[in-house]
Amino acid sequence: MGSSSDGYQQLMALPNGSLAVYGEVALLLAFQVLQVVVFVAMLLTGIWVAYVYKSVWVRNTFTKTVASGQVASVS
């Protein structure tokens, strides 16, 4: 945005130029917010994957095989 300040000043002189400048600034800010949200989501996902690979509890819960003869029945 800083490098475009000269262009923004030229646009402000035109009719509806302020709308174009404010619209572009709003879109740039929205895009930056989206980038932060995606970064945080990817960071939390990376932490979750690391937890799943390292956790003994997860390994014991999800990797034990159950014998087919141990099916519970209701009497």
N, C-alpha and C. Protein backbone atom coordinates (compact mmCIF):
# COMPACT_ATOMS: atom_id res chain seq x y z
N MET A 1 0.83 -1.19 0.00
CA MET A 1 0.00 0.00 0.00
C MET A 1 0.87 1.25 0.00
N GLY A 2 1.97 1.17 0.69
CA GLY A 2 2.84 2.34 0.76
C GLY A 2 3.43 2.71 -0.59
N SER A 3 3.76 1.73 -1.40
CA SER A 3 4.33 2.03 -2.71
C SER A 3 3.29 2.55 -3.69
N SER A 4 2.02 2.36 -3.39
CA SER A 4 0.95 2.81 -4.27
C SER A 4 0.38 4.16 -3.86
N SER A 5 0.98 4.84 -2.91
CA SER A 5 0.41 6.09 -2.40
C SER A 5 0.33 7.18 -3.48
N ASP A 6 1.31 7.22 -4.38
CA ASP A 6 1.25 8.20 -5.48
C ASP A 6 0.06 7.92 -6.40
N GLY A 7 -0.14 6.66 -6.70
CA GLY A 7 -1.28 6.29 -7.53
C GLY A 7 -2.60 6.57 -6.84
N TYR A 8 -2.64 6.35 -5.53
CA TYR A 8 -3.86 6.65 -4.77
C TYR A 8 -4.16 8.15 -4.80
N GLN A 9 -3.14 8.97 -4.67
CA GLN A 9 -3.36 10.42 -4.71
C GLN A 9 -3.87 10.87 -6.07
N GLN A 10 -3.39 10.25 -7.14
CA GLN A 10 -3.89 10.59 -8.47
C GLN A 10 -5.33 10.14 -8.65
N LEU A 11 -5.67 9.00 -8.09
CA LEU A 11 -7.04 8.51 -8.20
C LEU A 11 -8.02 9.36 -7.39
N MET A 12 -7.58 9.90 -6.27
CA MET A 12 -8.47 10.69 -5.42
C MET A 12 -8.98 11.93 -6.16
N ALA A 13 -8.24 12.43 -7.14
CA ALA A 13 -8.65 13.62 -7.87
C ALA A 13 -9.76 13.31 -8.88
N LEU A 14 -9.90 12.06 -9.27
CA LEU A 14 -10.92 11.68 -10.24
C LEU A 14 -12.29 11.52 -9.58
N PRO A 15 -13.37 11.64 -10.36
CA PRO A 15 -14.69 11.37 -9.79
C PRO A 15 -14.79 9.90 -9.37
N ASN A 16 -15.32 9.66 -8.22
CA ASN A 16 -15.42 8.32 -7.62
C ASN A 16 -14.05 7.68 -7.39
N GLY A 17 -13.02 8.46 -7.42
CA GLY A 17 -11.68 7.93 -7.18
C GLY A 17 -11.50 7.51 -5.73
N SER A 18 -12.12 8.25 -4.83
CA SER A 18 -11.99 7.89 -3.41
C SER A 18 -12.66 6.55 -3.14
N LEU A 19 -13.76 6.28 -3.85
CA LEU A 19 -14.41 4.97 -3.69
C LEU A 19 -13.48 3.85 -4.15
N ALA A 20 -12.77 4.05 -5.24
CA ALA A 20 -11.84 3.04 -5.75
C ALA A 20 -10.68 2.83 -4.77
N VAL A 21 -10.17 3.92 -4.23
CA VAL A 21 -9.04 3.82 -3.29
C VAL A 21 -9.48 3.12 -2.01
N TYR A 22 -10.60 3.55 -1.44
CA TYR A 22 -11.07 2.94 -0.19
C TYR A 22 -11.48 1.48 -0.41
N GLY A 23 -12.04 1.20 -1.58
CA GLY A 23 -12.40 -0.19 -1.89
C GLY A 23 -11.18 -1.08 -1.99
N GLU A 24 -10.14 -0.59 -2.65
CA GLU A 24 -8.91 -1.38 -2.77
C GLU A 24 -8.25 -1.57 -1.42
N VAL A 25 -8.21 -0.54 -0.62
CA VAL A 25 -7.60 -0.66 0.71
C VAL A 25 -8.40 -1.66 1.56
N ALA A 26 -9.73 -1.60 1.47
CA ALA A 26 -10.57 -2.54 2.22
C ALA A 26 -10.32 -3.98 1.77
N LEU A 27 -10.20 -4.19 0.46
CA LEU A 27 -9.93 -5.53 -0.05
C LEU A 27 -8.55 -6.03 0.37
N LEU A 28 -7.57 -5.16 0.36
CA LEU A 28 -6.22 -5.55 0.80
C LEU A 28 -6.21 -5.93 2.28
N LEU A 29 -6.90 -5.16 3.09
CA LEU A 29 -6.97 -5.47 4.52
C LEU A 29 -7.72 -6.78 4.77
N ALA A 30 -8.82 -7.00 4.03
CA ALA A 30 -9.57 -8.24 4.18
C ALA A 30 -8.71 -9.44 3.77
N PHE A 31 -7.92 -9.27 2.72
CA PHE A 31 -7.05 -10.35 2.29
C PHE A 31 -5.98 -10.64 3.33
N GLN A 32 -5.46 -9.62 3.97
CA GLN A 32 -4.46 -9.83 5.02
C GLN A 32 -5.08 -10.55 6.22
N VAL A 33 -6.30 -10.20 6.57
CA VAL A 33 -6.98 -10.89 7.67
C VAL A 33 -7.18 -12.36 7.31
N LEU A 34 -7.58 -12.63 6.07
CA LEU A 34 -7.75 -14.00 5.62
C LEU A 34 -6.44 -14.78 5.70
N GLN A 35 -5.34 -14.14 5.33
CA GLN A 35 -4.03 -14.81 5.41
C GLN A 35 -3.68 -15.16 6.85
N VAL A 36 -3.98 -14.28 7.79
CA VAL A 36 -3.70 -14.56 9.21
C VAL A 36 -4.56 -15.72 9.69
N VAL A 37 -5.83 -15.73 9.30
CA VAL A 37 -6.73 -16.81 9.72
C VAL A 37 -6.25 -18.15 9.17
N VAL A 38 -5.85 -18.18 7.91
CA VAL A 38 -5.36 -19.42 7.31
C VAL A 38 -4.06 -19.86 7.98
N PHE A 39 -3.18 -18.91 8.28
CA PHE A 39 -1.93 -19.24 8.96
C PHE A 39 -2.19 -19.88 10.32
N VAL A 40 -3.10 -19.31 11.08
CA VAL A 40 -3.41 -19.85 12.41
C VAL A 40 -4.03 -21.23 12.27
N ALA A 41 -4.93 -21.42 11.31
CA ALA A 41 -5.55 -22.73 11.12
C ALA A 41 -4.51 -23.78 10.74
N MET A 42 -3.58 -23.41 9.88
CA MET A 42 -2.54 -24.36 9.49
C MET A 42 -1.60 -24.65 10.66
N LEU A 43 -1.31 -23.64 11.47
CA LEU A 43 -0.45 -23.84 12.64
C LEU A 43 -1.12 -24.80 13.60
N LEU A 44 -2.50 -24.57 13.92
CA LEU A 44 -3.19 -25.48 14.86
C LEU A 44 -3.24 -26.87 14.31
N THR A 45 -3.42 -27.03 12.89
CA THR A 45 -3.45 -28.35 12.25
C THR A 45 -2.11 -29.03 12.39
N GLY A 46 -1.00 -28.28 12.19
CA GLY A 46 0.33 -28.86 12.33
C GLY A 46 0.59 -29.36 13.74
N ILE A 47 0.13 -28.61 14.71
CA ILE A 47 0.30 -29.03 16.10
C ILE A 47 -0.50 -30.30 16.37
N TRP A 48 -1.72 -30.39 15.82
CA TRP A 48 -2.56 -31.56 16.00
C TRP A 48 -1.91 -32.81 15.37
N VAL A 49 -1.36 -32.66 14.18
CA VAL A 49 -0.72 -33.79 13.51
C VAL A 49 0.49 -34.25 14.32
N ALA A 50 1.29 -33.32 14.81
CA ALA A 50 2.43 -33.69 15.64
C ALA A 50 1.98 -34.41 16.90
N TYR A 51 0.89 -33.96 17.50
CA TYR A 51 0.36 -34.61 18.70
C TYR A 51 -0.08 -36.04 18.39
N VAL A 52 -0.78 -36.21 17.27
CA VAL A 52 -1.27 -37.54 16.91
C VAL A 52 -0.10 -38.50 16.67
N TYR A 53 0.96 -38.04 16.05
CA TYR A 53 2.11 -38.91 15.80
C TYR A 53 2.89 -39.24 17.06
N LYS A 54 2.96 -38.33 18.02
CA LYS A 54 3.79 -38.54 19.21
C LYS A 54 3.02 -39.11 20.40
N SER A 55 1.70 -39.01 20.41
CA SER A 55 0.92 -39.36 21.59
C SER A 55 0.84 -40.87 21.80
N VAL A 56 1.16 -41.30 22.99
CA VAL A 56 1.03 -42.70 23.35
C VAL A 56 -0.45 -43.06 23.48
N TRP A 57 -1.23 -42.16 24.03
CA TRP A 57 -2.66 -42.40 24.19
C TRP A 57 -3.34 -42.64 22.84
N VAL A 58 -3.01 -41.83 21.85
CA VAL A 58 -3.59 -42.01 20.52
C VAL A 58 -3.13 -43.35 19.94
N ARG A 59 -1.87 -43.67 20.09
CA ARG A 59 -1.36 -44.94 19.56
C ARG A 59 -2.07 -46.11 20.21
N ASN A 60 -2.26 -46.07 21.53
CA ASN A 60 -2.93 -47.17 22.23
C ASN A 60 -4.41 -47.24 21.88
N THR A 61 -5.02 -46.12 21.63
CA THR A 61 -6.45 -46.11 21.35
C THR A 61 -6.78 -46.55 19.94
N PHE A 62 -6.02 -46.08 18.96
CA PHE A 62 -6.42 -46.28 17.58
C PHE A 62 -5.63 -47.34 16.82
N THR A 63 -4.61 -47.93 17.41
CA THR A 63 -3.83 -48.91 16.65
C THR A 63 -3.97 -50.32 17.18
N LYS A 64 -4.63 -50.52 18.30
CA LYS A 64 -4.81 -51.88 18.81
C LYS A 64 -5.89 -52.58 17.98
N THR A 65 -5.61 -53.81 17.60
CA THR A 65 -6.60 -54.58 16.85
C THR A 65 -7.44 -55.38 17.82
N VAL A 66 -8.70 -55.47 17.54
CA VAL A 66 -9.63 -56.22 18.39
C VAL A 66 -9.88 -57.56 17.72
N ALA A 67 -9.79 -58.63 18.51
CA ALA A 67 -10.03 -59.96 17.96
C ALA A 67 -11.48 -60.08 17.53
N SER A 68 -11.71 -60.76 16.44
CA SER A 68 -13.08 -60.85 15.90
C SER A 68 -14.00 -61.64 16.83
N GLY A 69 -13.47 -62.46 17.70
CA GLY A 69 -14.29 -63.24 18.61
C GLY A 69 -14.74 -62.45 19.82
N GLN A 70 -14.32 -61.24 19.98
CA GLN A 70 -14.65 -60.43 21.16
C GLN A 70 -15.79 -59.46 20.87
N VAL A 71 -16.74 -59.87 20.10
CA VAL A 71 -17.88 -59.01 19.80
C VAL A 71 -18.87 -59.12 20.93
N ALA A 72 -19.30 -58.01 21.46
CA ALA A 72 -20.25 -58.01 22.58
C ALA A 72 -21.63 -58.36 22.06
N SER A 73 -22.36 -59.09 22.86
CA SER A 73 -23.74 -59.44 22.49
C SER A 73 -24.66 -59.07 23.64
N VAL A 74 -25.88 -58.72 23.29
CA VAL A 74 -26.88 -58.34 24.28
C VAL A 74 -27.72 -59.59 24.58
N SER A 75 -27.87 -59.91 25.88
CA SER A 75 -28.65 -61.10 26.19
C SER A 75 -30.00 -60.76 26.74
